[in-house]
Each structure stands twice: as C-alpha cells, then as structure tokens.
Amino acid sequence: MSQTPNISGAVSAPHFYCLSFADVDRVLEIEEQVYSHPWTRGNFHDSLYSAHQMLGLQDASNNLIGYYVLMPVVDEMHLLNFAIATQHQGLGYARILLDHLCASAREQRFLSILLEVRLSNLRALSVYTEYGFSEIGRRKSYYPVVGNLREDAIVMRIEL
C-alpha cells in the first residue's frame, strides 16, 4: 500500500470510511472522470437509502482516492460500482479496494462477488481478471453507448 505524508511529516496510510450523503459530490467528481455513462446523484442516493455498503478510500489529507458500492443478494455480494480517481490509477489502489471488499464479504459469510463490466473497459477487465474474477456470462446490449447504441456487459464472479 502506498503511503502519503501528513502535515507533520509523519507517514500515514490511506484509510477506509463509510460514505454518506455528504460525500456524494466527491464521489460524483470521480464517477464523471472515469465513466462515459456515470451514475447520477440519484443513483448514489438510492444506494445510500437502500443501505448498500458504500466505502471510500481516502488519503491522509482526506482526498478521496476511490470507492465501491456493494449490494447483498442472498449469499452473494453484487459489486454495483467501483472507481479509482484518474490521478490514482495504476498505483495499486484497485487491489487495495478489492482486498477490502472481498474481506468484508467473507466476514459477512457471503460466498461470492458478482459484477458486470463493459466489454470495452479493457483496463477494468484486466484488473478483475488479474485479481481472480472469472467470466461467467454476458448480458447482451446491457450498457448504453453514444448514439443510442448498446454494449454488452461481461458478467464476472469470484468465489470467496
């Protein structure tokens, strides 16, 4: 895990915290940086109202590095949203978030985590595959793209 210096010069590691309605603006900044069709404020509010697990990773200066949204479904967690701020990509934070969400799901006795990812999102596909997620299917025309076209989603799962 990379470490960031705090104001006193001591080194402190990034830390997790539960996201709340007060964090939605910061989350939307990242969401709009990294996705062609980002979630809306309403999507995040709906997840908060539904008590989905929403955690953020922030540095010692309280800058949001990334976040995830998980929804329990019977004995499986569904990863609804996952993002790392553009300036923090490629630094290992995706692995830190994935380690945390998998550990959390295991502690709650879930058996697996399911997600969908755009067919064209090669970076995310690489991260998920390298982490141990496997493709289990496809959802045809699942995601919108420019010009009223649709794009397939790859459905992936990791057993815990």
N, C-alpha and C. Protein backbone atom coordinates (compact mmCIF):
# COMPACT_ATOMS: atom_id res chain seq x y z
N MET A 1 0.86 -1.16 0.00
CA MET A 1 0.00 0.00 0.00
C MET A 1 0.90 1.22 0.00
N SER A 2 0.64 2.16 -0.87
CA SER A 2 1.44 3.36 -0.88
C SER A 2 1.05 4.23 0.31
N GLN A 3 1.99 5.02 0.75
CA GLN A 3 1.74 5.86 1.92
C GLN A 3 1.88 7.32 1.53
N THR A 4 1.17 8.17 2.24
CA THR A 4 1.22 9.60 1.96
C THR A 4 1.65 10.34 3.20
N PRO A 5 2.49 11.36 3.05
CA PRO A 5 2.91 12.12 4.23
C PRO A 5 1.77 13.02 4.70
N ASN A 6 1.65 13.17 6.02
CA ASN A 6 0.66 14.12 6.52
C ASN A 6 1.38 15.43 6.83
N ILE A 7 0.65 16.42 7.32
CA ILE A 7 1.21 17.76 7.53
C ILE A 7 2.39 17.76 8.47
N SER A 8 2.41 16.92 9.47
CA SER A 8 3.50 16.92 10.45
C SER A 8 4.75 16.22 9.91
N GLY A 9 4.65 15.62 8.72
CA GLY A 9 5.79 14.92 8.13
C GLY A 9 5.77 13.43 8.42
N ALA A 10 4.93 12.98 9.33
CA ALA A 10 4.82 11.55 9.61
C ALA A 10 4.12 10.89 8.43
N VAL A 11 4.33 9.61 8.26
CA VAL A 11 3.72 8.90 7.15
C VAL A 11 2.47 8.17 7.65
N SER A 12 1.41 8.27 6.90
CA SER A 12 0.19 7.55 7.26
C SER A 12 -0.40 6.92 6.01
N ALA A 13 -1.01 5.76 6.18
CA ALA A 13 -1.59 5.02 5.07
C ALA A 13 -2.99 5.53 4.77
N PRO A 14 -3.41 5.36 3.52
CA PRO A 14 -4.80 5.67 3.20
C PRO A 14 -5.73 4.83 4.08
N HIS A 15 -6.94 5.31 4.29
CA HIS A 15 -7.87 4.60 5.17
C HIS A 15 -9.27 4.57 4.57
N PHE A 16 -10.03 3.55 4.99
CA PHE A 16 -11.41 3.38 4.54
C PHE A 16 -12.37 4.09 5.47
N TYR A 17 -13.51 4.49 4.92
CA TYR A 17 -14.57 5.06 5.73
C TYR A 17 -15.89 4.85 5.00
N CYS A 18 -16.98 4.83 5.75
CA CYS A 18 -18.31 4.66 5.17
C CYS A 18 -18.73 5.96 4.49
N LEU A 19 -19.15 5.84 3.24
CA LEU A 19 -19.62 7.01 2.51
C LEU A 19 -21.02 7.38 2.99
N SER A 20 -21.31 8.67 2.93
CA SER A 20 -22.62 9.18 3.33
C SER A 20 -23.11 10.17 2.28
N PHE A 21 -24.28 10.71 2.50
CA PHE A 21 -24.83 11.71 1.59
C PHE A 21 -23.88 12.90 1.44
N ALA A 22 -23.15 13.23 2.48
CA ALA A 22 -22.21 14.36 2.45
C ALA A 22 -21.05 14.10 1.49
N ASP A 23 -20.81 12.85 1.12
CA ASP A 23 -19.69 12.50 0.24
C ASP A 23 -20.07 12.42 -1.23
N VAL A 24 -21.34 12.52 -1.55
CA VAL A 24 -21.80 12.26 -2.91
C VAL A 24 -21.14 13.21 -3.92
N ASP A 25 -20.96 14.48 -3.60
CA ASP A 25 -20.31 15.40 -4.54
C ASP A 25 -18.90 14.92 -4.89
N ARG A 26 -18.14 14.48 -3.88
CA ARG A 26 -16.78 14.00 -4.13
C ARG A 26 -16.79 12.72 -4.95
N VAL A 27 -17.74 11.85 -4.66
CA VAL A 27 -17.86 10.61 -5.41
C VAL A 27 -18.22 10.92 -6.87
N LEU A 28 -19.13 11.85 -7.08
CA LEU A 28 -19.53 12.21 -8.44
C LEU A 28 -18.38 12.79 -9.25
N GLU A 29 -17.48 13.50 -8.61
CA GLU A 29 -16.30 14.03 -9.32
C GLU A 29 -15.50 12.89 -9.93
N ILE A 30 -15.27 11.84 -9.15
CA ILE A 30 -14.52 10.69 -9.66
C ILE A 30 -15.36 9.95 -10.70
N GLU A 31 -16.60 9.72 -10.40
CA GLU A 31 -17.51 8.99 -11.29
C GLU A 31 -17.51 9.62 -12.68
N GLU A 32 -17.58 10.95 -12.73
CA GLU A 32 -17.63 11.64 -14.02
C GLU A 32 -16.27 11.67 -14.71
N GLN A 33 -15.18 11.49 -13.96
CA GLN A 33 -13.84 11.40 -14.56
C GLN A 33 -13.66 10.08 -15.30
N VAL A 34 -14.15 9.02 -14.71
CA VAL A 34 -13.76 7.69 -15.17
C VAL A 34 -14.79 6.94 -16.01
N TYR A 35 -16.04 7.37 -16.03
CA TYR A 35 -17.06 6.63 -16.76
C TYR A 35 -17.68 7.46 -17.87
N SER A 36 -17.91 6.82 -19.01
CA SER A 36 -18.58 7.51 -20.12
C SER A 36 -20.06 7.74 -19.82
N HIS A 37 -20.64 6.87 -19.01
CA HIS A 37 -22.04 6.99 -18.60
C HIS A 37 -22.08 6.84 -17.07
N PRO A 38 -21.70 7.90 -16.38
CA PRO A 38 -21.59 7.81 -14.91
C PRO A 38 -22.94 7.67 -14.22
N TRP A 39 -22.87 7.10 -13.02
CA TRP A 39 -24.04 7.10 -12.15
C TRP A 39 -24.41 8.55 -11.86
N THR A 40 -25.67 8.76 -11.57
CA THR A 40 -26.16 10.09 -11.22
C THR A 40 -26.18 10.25 -9.70
N ARG A 41 -26.39 11.47 -9.27
CA ARG A 41 -26.58 11.75 -7.85
C ARG A 41 -27.71 10.87 -7.30
N GLY A 42 -28.78 10.73 -8.08
CA GLY A 42 -29.91 9.90 -7.67
C GLY A 42 -29.54 8.44 -7.48
N ASN A 43 -28.67 7.92 -8.35
CA ASN A 43 -28.22 6.53 -8.20
C ASN A 43 -27.50 6.33 -6.87
N PHE A 44 -26.61 7.27 -6.54
CA PHE A 44 -25.88 7.15 -5.27
C PHE A 44 -26.81 7.34 -4.08
N HIS A 45 -27.74 8.28 -4.19
CA HIS A 45 -28.71 8.47 -3.10
C HIS A 45 -29.54 7.21 -2.91
N ASP A 46 -29.98 6.60 -4.01
CA ASP A 46 -30.76 5.36 -3.91
C ASP A 46 -29.97 4.27 -3.19
N SER A 47 -28.69 4.16 -3.49
CA SER A 47 -27.86 3.15 -2.82
C SER A 47 -27.72 3.45 -1.33
N LEU A 48 -27.57 4.72 -1.01
CA LEU A 48 -27.49 5.10 0.41
C LEU A 48 -28.80 4.82 1.13
N TYR A 49 -29.93 5.19 0.51
CA TYR A 49 -31.24 4.92 1.12
C TYR A 49 -31.47 3.42 1.28
N SER A 50 -30.93 2.63 0.35
CA SER A 50 -31.11 1.18 0.39
C SER A 50 -30.11 0.50 1.31
N ALA A 51 -29.25 1.28 1.94
CA ALA A 51 -28.23 0.77 2.88
C ALA A 51 -27.24 -0.18 2.21
N HIS A 52 -26.96 0.05 0.92
CA HIS A 52 -25.89 -0.71 0.29
C HIS A 52 -24.58 -0.32 0.95
N GLN A 53 -23.62 -1.22 0.93
CA GLN A 53 -22.32 -0.93 1.52
C GLN A 53 -21.56 0.00 0.58
N MET A 54 -21.30 1.22 1.05
CA MET A 54 -20.59 2.20 0.24
C MET A 54 -19.38 2.67 1.04
N LEU A 55 -18.20 2.27 0.57
CA LEU A 55 -16.98 2.65 1.26
C LEU A 55 -16.07 3.43 0.35
N GLY A 56 -15.38 4.39 0.95
CA GLY A 56 -14.39 5.18 0.24
C GLY A 56 -13.02 4.94 0.82
N LEU A 57 -12.02 5.17 0.01
CA LEU A 57 -10.63 5.12 0.44
C LEU A 57 -10.08 6.53 0.27
N GLN A 58 -9.57 7.09 1.37
CA GLN A 58 -9.04 8.45 1.27
C GLN A 58 -7.64 8.51 1.85
N ASP A 59 -6.91 9.53 1.41
CA ASP A 59 -5.54 9.69 1.88
C ASP A 59 -5.53 10.49 3.18
N ALA A 60 -4.34 10.75 3.70
CA ALA A 60 -4.20 11.44 4.99
C ALA A 60 -4.75 12.85 4.96
N SER A 61 -4.87 13.44 3.76
CA SER A 61 -5.44 14.78 3.63
C SER A 61 -6.94 14.73 3.33
N ASN A 62 -7.53 13.56 3.48
CA ASN A 62 -8.96 13.32 3.25
C ASN A 62 -9.38 13.51 1.80
N ASN A 63 -8.44 13.32 0.87
CA ASN A 63 -8.79 13.32 -0.55
C ASN A 63 -9.29 11.93 -0.91
N LEU A 64 -10.41 11.86 -1.60
CA LEU A 64 -10.99 10.58 -1.98
C LEU A 64 -10.18 9.97 -3.12
N ILE A 65 -9.69 8.76 -2.90
CA ILE A 65 -8.89 8.03 -3.87
C ILE A 65 -9.79 7.15 -4.74
N GLY A 66 -10.75 6.50 -4.10
CA GLY A 66 -11.65 5.59 -4.80
C GLY A 66 -12.75 5.12 -3.88
N TYR A 67 -13.66 4.32 -4.43
CA TYR A 67 -14.82 3.87 -3.66
C TYR A 67 -15.41 2.63 -4.30
N TYR A 68 -16.28 1.98 -3.52
CA TYR A 68 -17.07 0.89 -4.08
C TYR A 68 -18.45 0.88 -3.45
N VAL A 69 -19.40 0.25 -4.19
CA VAL A 69 -20.77 0.08 -3.73
C VAL A 69 -21.12 -1.39 -3.89
N LEU A 70 -21.52 -2.02 -2.78
CA LEU A 70 -21.88 -3.44 -2.77
C LEU A 70 -23.33 -3.61 -2.33
N MET A 71 -24.01 -4.54 -2.99
CA MET A 71 -25.38 -4.87 -2.62
C MET A 71 -25.47 -6.37 -2.33
N PRO A 72 -25.93 -6.72 -1.14
CA PRO A 72 -26.10 -8.15 -0.85
C PRO A 72 -27.30 -8.73 -1.59
N VAL A 73 -27.13 -9.93 -2.15
CA VAL A 73 -28.20 -10.65 -2.82
C VAL A 73 -28.08 -12.11 -2.38
N VAL A 74 -28.92 -12.52 -1.46
CA VAL A 74 -28.94 -13.86 -0.89
C VAL A 74 -27.56 -14.17 -0.31
N ASP A 75 -26.77 -15.07 -0.93
CA ASP A 75 -25.46 -15.45 -0.38
C ASP A 75 -24.31 -14.85 -1.19
N GLU A 76 -24.62 -13.85 -2.00
CA GLU A 76 -23.63 -13.26 -2.90
C GLU A 76 -23.67 -11.73 -2.78
N MET A 77 -22.52 -11.11 -2.91
CA MET A 77 -22.46 -9.65 -3.00
C MET A 77 -22.40 -9.27 -4.47
N HIS A 78 -23.12 -8.21 -4.81
CA HIS A 78 -23.09 -7.69 -6.18
C HIS A 78 -22.33 -6.36 -6.13
N LEU A 79 -21.22 -6.30 -6.84
CA LEU A 79 -20.43 -5.07 -6.92
C LEU A 79 -21.10 -4.17 -7.94
N LEU A 80 -21.78 -3.14 -7.44
CA LEU A 80 -22.56 -2.25 -8.30
C LEU A 80 -21.71 -1.16 -8.93
N ASN A 81 -20.73 -0.68 -8.18
CA ASN A 81 -19.92 0.43 -8.67
C ASN A 81 -18.55 0.35 -8.01
N PHE A 82 -17.53 0.72 -8.78
CA PHE A 82 -16.15 0.63 -8.32
C PHE A 82 -15.36 1.62 -9.15
N ALA A 83 -14.63 2.52 -8.49
CA ALA A 83 -13.85 3.50 -9.25
C ALA A 83 -12.66 3.99 -8.46
N ILE A 84 -11.60 4.30 -9.19
CA ILE A 84 -10.40 4.92 -8.65
C ILE A 84 -10.22 6.23 -9.42
N ALA A 85 -9.98 7.32 -8.70
CA ALA A 85 -9.76 8.61 -9.34
C ALA A 85 -8.63 8.50 -10.35
N THR A 86 -8.78 9.18 -11.46
CA THR A 86 -7.83 9.09 -12.57
C THR A 86 -6.38 9.26 -12.12
N GLN A 87 -6.11 10.25 -11.28
CA GLN A 87 -4.73 10.52 -10.86
C GLN A 87 -4.15 9.44 -9.95
N HIS A 88 -5.00 8.53 -9.46
CA HIS A 88 -4.53 7.46 -8.58
C HIS A 88 -4.53 6.09 -9.27
N GLN A 89 -4.93 6.03 -10.53
CA GLN A 89 -4.97 4.76 -11.24
C GLN A 89 -3.55 4.27 -11.53
N GLY A 90 -3.40 2.96 -11.52
CA GLY A 90 -2.12 2.33 -11.81
C GLY A 90 -1.16 2.31 -10.63
N LEU A 91 -1.64 2.66 -9.44
CA LEU A 91 -0.79 2.73 -8.25
C LEU A 91 -1.10 1.64 -7.22
N GLY A 92 -1.97 0.70 -7.58
CA GLY A 92 -2.29 -0.40 -6.67
C GLY A 92 -3.52 -0.19 -5.81
N TYR A 93 -4.21 0.95 -5.98
CA TYR A 93 -5.38 1.21 -5.14
C TYR A 93 -6.56 0.30 -5.49
N ALA A 94 -6.68 -0.11 -6.74
CA ALA A 94 -7.77 -1.03 -7.10
C ALA A 94 -7.63 -2.33 -6.31
N ARG A 95 -6.41 -2.84 -6.20
CA ARG A 95 -6.18 -4.07 -5.42
C ARG A 95 -6.53 -3.85 -3.96
N ILE A 96 -6.17 -2.70 -3.41
CA ILE A 96 -6.48 -2.40 -2.01
C ILE A 96 -8.00 -2.40 -1.81
N LEU A 97 -8.73 -1.76 -2.73
CA LEU A 97 -10.20 -1.76 -2.63
C LEU A 97 -10.77 -3.17 -2.78
N LEU A 98 -10.26 -3.93 -3.75
CA LEU A 98 -10.75 -5.29 -3.94
C LEU A 98 -10.44 -6.18 -2.74
N ASP A 99 -9.24 -6.04 -2.18
CA ASP A 99 -8.91 -6.79 -0.96
C ASP A 99 -9.90 -6.48 0.15
N HIS A 100 -10.21 -5.21 0.31
CA HIS A 100 -11.11 -4.78 1.38
C HIS A 100 -12.53 -5.29 1.16
N LEU A 101 -13.03 -5.16 -0.05
CA LEU A 101 -14.42 -5.59 -0.28
C LEU A 101 -14.55 -7.11 -0.19
N CYS A 102 -13.54 -7.85 -0.63
CA CYS A 102 -13.59 -9.31 -0.50
C CYS A 102 -13.51 -9.73 0.97
N ALA A 103 -12.64 -9.10 1.73
CA ALA A 103 -12.53 -9.42 3.16
C ALA A 103 -13.84 -9.11 3.87
N SER A 104 -14.44 -7.98 3.53
CA SER A 104 -15.72 -7.60 4.14
C SER A 104 -16.81 -8.63 3.80
N ALA A 105 -16.86 -9.04 2.55
CA ALA A 105 -17.87 -10.03 2.14
C ALA A 105 -17.65 -11.37 2.84
N ARG A 106 -16.38 -11.77 2.98
CA ARG A 106 -16.08 -13.03 3.69
C ARG A 106 -16.52 -12.95 5.15
N GLU A 107 -16.21 -11.82 5.79
CA GLU A 107 -16.60 -11.64 7.20
C GLU A 107 -18.11 -11.76 7.38
N GLN A 108 -18.86 -11.34 6.36
CA GLN A 108 -20.32 -11.40 6.42
C GLN A 108 -20.85 -12.74 5.89
N ARG A 109 -19.94 -13.65 5.61
CA ARG A 109 -20.26 -15.01 5.18
C ARG A 109 -20.92 -15.10 3.80
N PHE A 110 -20.58 -14.16 2.92
CA PHE A 110 -21.03 -14.27 1.54
C PHE A 110 -20.11 -15.25 0.82
N LEU A 111 -20.64 -15.93 -0.18
CA LEU A 111 -19.90 -16.98 -0.87
C LEU A 111 -19.16 -16.49 -2.11
N SER A 112 -19.64 -15.38 -2.70
CA SER A 112 -19.02 -14.89 -3.92
C SER A 112 -19.38 -13.43 -4.13
N ILE A 113 -18.70 -12.83 -5.11
CA ILE A 113 -18.99 -11.46 -5.53
C ILE A 113 -19.19 -11.49 -7.04
N LEU A 114 -20.25 -10.86 -7.48
CA LEU A 114 -20.63 -10.79 -8.89
C LEU A 114 -20.51 -9.35 -9.35
N LEU A 115 -20.14 -9.16 -10.61
CA LEU A 115 -20.10 -7.81 -11.18
C LEU A 115 -20.36 -7.87 -12.67
N GLU A 116 -20.71 -6.73 -13.25
CA GLU A 116 -20.78 -6.57 -14.70
C GLU A 116 -19.78 -5.48 -15.08
N VAL A 117 -19.15 -5.66 -16.22
CA VAL A 117 -18.20 -4.67 -16.72
C VAL A 117 -18.38 -4.55 -18.23
N ARG A 118 -18.24 -3.33 -18.72
CA ARG A 118 -18.36 -3.10 -20.17
C ARG A 118 -17.33 -3.93 -20.94
N LEU A 119 -17.76 -4.46 -22.05
CA LEU A 119 -16.87 -5.20 -22.93
C LEU A 119 -15.68 -4.35 -23.35
N SER A 120 -15.88 -3.05 -23.52
CA SER A 120 -14.82 -2.16 -23.98
C SER A 120 -13.91 -1.66 -22.85
N ASN A 121 -14.24 -1.95 -21.60
CA ASN A 121 -13.45 -1.45 -20.47
C ASN A 121 -12.29 -2.42 -20.20
N LEU A 122 -11.31 -2.36 -21.09
CA LEU A 122 -10.20 -3.31 -21.03
C LEU A 122 -9.38 -3.18 -19.76
N ARG A 123 -9.22 -1.96 -19.26
CA ARG A 123 -8.45 -1.77 -18.03
C ARG A 123 -9.13 -2.48 -16.86
N ALA A 124 -10.44 -2.27 -16.71
CA ALA A 124 -11.18 -2.92 -15.62
C ALA A 124 -11.17 -4.44 -15.79
N LEU A 125 -11.38 -4.90 -17.01
CA LEU A 125 -11.35 -6.35 -17.26
C LEU A 125 -10.01 -6.94 -16.84
N SER A 126 -8.94 -6.24 -17.14
CA SER A 126 -7.61 -6.71 -16.76
C SER A 126 -7.45 -6.76 -15.25
N VAL A 127 -7.89 -5.70 -14.56
CA VAL A 127 -7.80 -5.65 -13.10
C VAL A 127 -8.59 -6.79 -12.48
N TYR A 128 -9.83 -6.96 -12.91
CA TYR A 128 -10.67 -8.01 -12.33
C TYR A 128 -10.13 -9.41 -12.63
N THR A 129 -9.67 -9.63 -13.85
CA THR A 129 -9.13 -10.93 -14.22
C THR A 129 -7.86 -11.25 -13.42
N GLU A 130 -6.96 -10.28 -13.34
CA GLU A 130 -5.73 -10.48 -12.57
C GLU A 130 -6.03 -10.74 -11.10
N TYR A 131 -7.10 -10.15 -10.60
CA TYR A 131 -7.46 -10.35 -9.20
C TYR A 131 -8.05 -11.73 -8.94
N GLY A 132 -8.62 -12.36 -9.97
CA GLY A 132 -9.18 -13.70 -9.80
C GLY A 132 -10.64 -13.83 -10.19
N PHE A 133 -11.26 -12.76 -10.68
CA PHE A 133 -12.63 -12.86 -11.18
C PHE A 133 -12.60 -13.63 -12.49
N SER A 134 -13.65 -14.42 -12.74
CA SER A 134 -13.78 -15.19 -13.97
C SER A 134 -15.05 -14.79 -14.69
N GLU A 135 -14.98 -14.78 -16.01
CA GLU A 135 -16.19 -14.50 -16.80
C GLU A 135 -17.14 -15.68 -16.68
N ILE A 136 -18.40 -15.37 -16.36
CA ILE A 136 -19.40 -16.44 -16.25
C ILE A 136 -20.55 -16.25 -17.24
N GLY A 137 -20.53 -15.14 -17.97
CA GLY A 137 -21.60 -14.91 -18.94
C GLY A 137 -21.52 -13.50 -19.51
N ARG A 138 -22.52 -13.21 -20.33
CA ARG A 138 -22.61 -11.88 -20.95
C ARG A 138 -24.06 -11.42 -20.91
N ARG A 139 -24.22 -10.13 -20.76
CA ARG A 139 -25.54 -9.51 -20.87
C ARG A 139 -25.53 -8.70 -22.16
N LYS A 140 -26.28 -9.15 -23.13
CA LYS A 140 -26.31 -8.51 -24.44
C LYS A 140 -26.94 -7.12 -24.33
N SER A 141 -26.29 -6.15 -24.96
CA SER A 141 -26.80 -4.78 -25.06
C SER A 141 -27.15 -4.18 -23.69
N TYR A 142 -26.35 -4.46 -22.70
CA TYR A 142 -26.63 -4.06 -21.31
C TYR A 142 -26.36 -2.58 -21.06
N TYR A 143 -25.27 -2.07 -21.60
CA TYR A 143 -24.85 -0.69 -21.32
C TYR A 143 -25.14 0.23 -22.50
N PRO A 144 -25.53 1.48 -22.21
CA PRO A 144 -25.70 2.45 -23.30
C PRO A 144 -24.33 2.95 -23.78
N VAL A 145 -24.27 3.28 -25.05
CA VAL A 145 -23.11 3.96 -25.62
C VAL A 145 -23.62 5.12 -26.46
N VAL A 146 -22.74 5.89 -27.01
CA VAL A 146 -23.11 7.08 -27.78
C VAL A 146 -24.00 6.70 -28.96
N GLY A 147 -24.97 7.57 -29.25
CA GLY A 147 -25.82 7.38 -30.43
C GLY A 147 -26.88 6.32 -30.28
N ASN A 148 -27.41 6.15 -29.10
CA ASN A 148 -28.47 5.16 -28.83
C ASN A 148 -28.06 3.73 -29.13
N LEU A 149 -26.78 3.47 -29.18
CA LEU A 149 -26.30 2.10 -29.34
C LEU A 149 -26.16 1.47 -27.96
N ARG A 150 -25.96 0.17 -27.94
CA ARG A 150 -25.81 -0.57 -26.68
C ARG A 150 -24.55 -1.43 -26.75
N GLU A 151 -24.00 -1.74 -25.59
CA GLU A 151 -22.78 -2.53 -25.49
C GLU A 151 -23.01 -3.68 -24.52
N ASP A 152 -22.42 -4.82 -24.82
CA ASP A 152 -22.54 -5.98 -23.95
C ASP A 152 -21.79 -5.76 -22.63
N ALA A 153 -22.27 -6.43 -21.61
CA ALA A 153 -21.58 -6.48 -20.31
C ALA A 153 -21.03 -7.89 -20.15
N ILE A 154 -19.83 -7.95 -19.63
CA ILE A 154 -19.25 -9.23 -19.23
C ILE A 154 -19.60 -9.42 -17.77
N VAL A 155 -20.21 -10.54 -17.44
CA VAL A 155 -20.55 -10.87 -16.06
C VAL A 155 -19.40 -11.69 -15.48
N MET A 156 -18.90 -11.24 -14.33
CA MET A 156 -17.76 -11.91 -13.70
C MET A 156 -18.09 -12.24 -12.26
N ARG A 157 -17.41 -13.29 -11.75
CA ARG A 157 -17.63 -13.70 -10.37
C ARG A 157 -16.31 -14.16 -9.78
N ILE A 158 -16.19 -13.93 -8.48
CA ILE A 158 -15.08 -14.51 -7.74
C ILE A 158 -15.69 -15.24 -6.54
N GLU A 159 -15.22 -16.48 -6.36
CA GLU A 159 -15.67 -17.27 -5.22
C GLU A 159 -14.82 -16.84 -4.02
N LEU A 160 -15.47 -16.73 -2.87
CA LEU A 160 -14.76 -16.33 -1.65
C LEU A 160 -14.43 -17.56 -0.88
